[in-house]
Structure formats: structure tokens, C-alpha cells
Amino acid sequence: MTELKKQVGQRIKEARNQKGITQREFGKMLGVSHTTVNGYETGKQNLTLDTLEKVAAALGMAPKSFL
């Protein structure tokens, strides 16, 4: 797992927590399971650019905020 994946995942987690959204709720927003959300946040699950755009839109942020 690369350092970049960990950093992106940590930024997603921080933004999600600031909004008060659980992993389960966030998964429903993205159309994925809470397990997949956990994978994104820990850097264990690959994140496509399309998914990053969905994540950003769901959190009301720009995709570049996570890079």
C-alpha cells in the first residue's frame, strides 16, 4: 500500500467525520458497502478517479482536497 493511498484515505475519513457521517451512511451515499468505505479510508481499497469525484461530491468538497 502506498503512502498516497493512506493519505487520501485519512483525508476522506477526516472529512466524513467532520460532517458527522458514519461509514455505513457514507457507503449508502456512494452506493458501496461500509466495508468498502473502510477500505478507502485505510488505503487497502483502490479508489478510482470516478469514485474520488463521488466522494468529493458527497462531502461537498473538491476532489483535489483529498490529494
C-alpha atoms as a PDB file:
ATOM      1  CA  MET A   1       0.000   0.000   0.000  1.00  0.00           C
ATOM      2  CA  THR A   2       1.388   3.362  -0.963  1.00  0.00           C
ATOM      3  CA  GLU A   3       1.726   6.370   1.273  1.00  0.00           C
ATOM      4  CA  LEU A   4      -0.517   8.361  -1.100  1.00  0.00           C
ATOM      5  CA  LYS A   5      -3.375   5.868  -0.667  1.00  0.00           C
ATOM      6  CA  LYS A   6      -3.051   6.164   3.104  1.00  0.00           C
ATOM      7  CA  GLN A   7      -3.028   9.969   2.955  1.00  0.00           C
ATOM      8  CA  VAL A   8      -6.060  10.147   0.665  1.00  0.00           C
ATOM      9  CA  GLY A   9      -7.908   7.679   2.879  1.00  0.00           C
ATOM     10  CA  GLN A  10      -7.101   9.649   6.017  1.00  0.00           C
ATOM     11  CA  ARG A  11      -8.359  12.855   4.414  1.00  0.00           C
ATOM     12  CA  ILE A  12     -11.596  11.148   3.385  1.00  0.00           C
ATOM     13  CA  LYS A  13     -12.084   9.837   6.920  1.00  0.00           C
ATOM     14  CA  GLU A  14     -11.412  13.241   8.488  1.00  0.00           C
ATOM     15  CA  ALA A  15     -13.857  14.981   6.136  1.00  0.00           C
ATOM     16  CA  ARG A  16     -16.529  12.319   6.708  1.00  0.00           C
ATOM     17  CA  ASN A  17     -16.129  12.565  10.483  1.00  0.00           C
ATOM     18  CA  GLN A  18     -16.312  16.375  10.383  1.00  0.00           C
ATOM     19  CA  LYS A  19     -19.682  16.027   8.632  1.00  0.00           C
ATOM     20  CA  GLY A  20     -20.862  13.538  11.275  1.00  0.00           C
ATOM     21  CA  ILE A  21     -21.465  10.783   8.717  1.00  0.00           C
ATOM     22  CA  THR A  22     -20.943   7.124   9.644  1.00  0.00           C
ATOM     23  CA  GLN A  23     -19.178   4.703   7.316  1.00  0.00           C
ATOM     24  CA  ARG A  24     -22.481   2.905   6.791  1.00  0.00           C
ATOM     25  CA  GLU A  25     -24.280   6.148   5.860  1.00  0.00           C
ATOM     26  CA  PHE A  26     -21.425   7.202   3.607  1.00  0.00           C
ATOM     27  CA  GLY A  27     -21.460   3.833   1.882  1.00  0.00           C
ATOM     28  CA  LYS A  28     -25.151   4.280   1.096  1.00  0.00           C
ATOM     29  CA  MET A  29     -24.425   7.738  -0.315  1.00  0.00           C
ATOM     30  CA  LEU A  30     -21.745   6.269  -2.591  1.00  0.00           C
ATOM     31  CA  GLY A  31     -23.580   3.052  -3.449  1.00  0.00           C
ATOM     32  CA  VAL A  32     -20.956   0.827  -1.793  1.00  0.00           C
ATOM     33  CA  SER A  33     -20.743  -1.166   1.437  1.00  0.00           C
ATOM     34  CA  HIS A  34     -19.384   0.237   4.677  1.00  0.00           C
ATOM     35  CA  THR A  35     -16.582  -2.317   4.323  1.00  0.00           C
ATOM     36  CA  THR A  36     -15.566  -0.693   1.046  1.00  0.00           C
ATOM     37  CA  VAL A  37     -15.629   2.743   2.690  1.00  0.00           C
ATOM     38  CA  ASN A  38     -13.343   1.378   5.402  1.00  0.00           C
ATOM     39  CA  GLY A  39     -11.031   0.066   2.683  1.00  0.00           C
ATOM     40  CA  TYR A  40     -10.863   3.501   1.071  1.00  0.00           C
ATOM     41  CA  GLU A  41     -10.123   5.152   4.398  1.00  0.00           C
ATOM     42  CA  THR A  42      -7.380   2.708   5.369  1.00  0.00           C
ATOM     43  CA  GLY A  43      -5.791   2.691   1.904  1.00  0.00           C
ATOM     44  CA  LYS A  44      -6.484  -1.014   1.410  1.00  0.00           C
ATOM     45  CA  GLN A  45      -9.102  -0.494  -1.320  1.00  0.00           C
ATOM     46  CA  ASN A  46      -8.147   1.146  -4.609  1.00  0.00           C
ATOM     47  CA  LEU A  47     -10.003   4.349  -5.329  1.00  0.00           C
ATOM     48  CA  THR A  48     -10.714   5.291  -8.953  1.00  0.00           C
ATOM     49  CA  LEU A  49     -10.888   8.905 -10.075  1.00  0.00           C
ATOM     50  CA  ASP A  50     -14.613   8.438 -10.684  1.00  0.00           C
ATOM     51  CA  THR A  51     -15.050   7.251  -7.108  1.00  0.00           C
ATOM     52  CA  LEU A  52     -12.942  10.116  -5.800  1.00  0.00           C
ATOM     53  CA  GLU A  53     -15.285  12.510  -7.605  1.00  0.00           C
ATOM     54  CA  LYS A  54     -18.299  10.807  -5.960  1.00  0.00           C
ATOM     55  CA  VAL A  55     -16.623  11.007  -2.550  1.00  0.00           C
ATOM     56  CA  ALA A  56     -15.869  14.687  -3.036  1.00  0.00           C
ATOM     57  CA  ALA A  57     -19.392  15.482  -4.234  1.00  0.00           C
ATOM     58  CA  ALA A  58     -20.954  13.604  -1.306  1.00  0.00           C
ATOM     59  CA  LEU A  59     -18.828  15.614   1.121  1.00  0.00           C
ATOM     60  CA  GLY A  60     -19.280  18.924  -0.707  1.00  0.00           C
ATOM     61  CA  MET A  61     -15.578  19.263  -1.439  1.00  0.00           C
ATOM     62  CA  ALA A  62     -13.286  19.492  -4.452  1.00  0.00           C
ATOM     63  CA  PRO A  63     -11.582  16.216  -5.455  1.00  0.00           C
ATOM     64  CA  LYS A  64      -8.165  17.883  -5.183  1.00  0.00           C
ATOM     65  CA  SER A  65      -8.821  18.404  -1.452  1.00  0.00           C
ATOM     66  CA  PHE A  66      -8.011  14.739  -0.921  1.00  0.00           C
ATOM     67  CA  LEU A  67      -4.723  14.684  -2.838  1.00  0.00           C
END
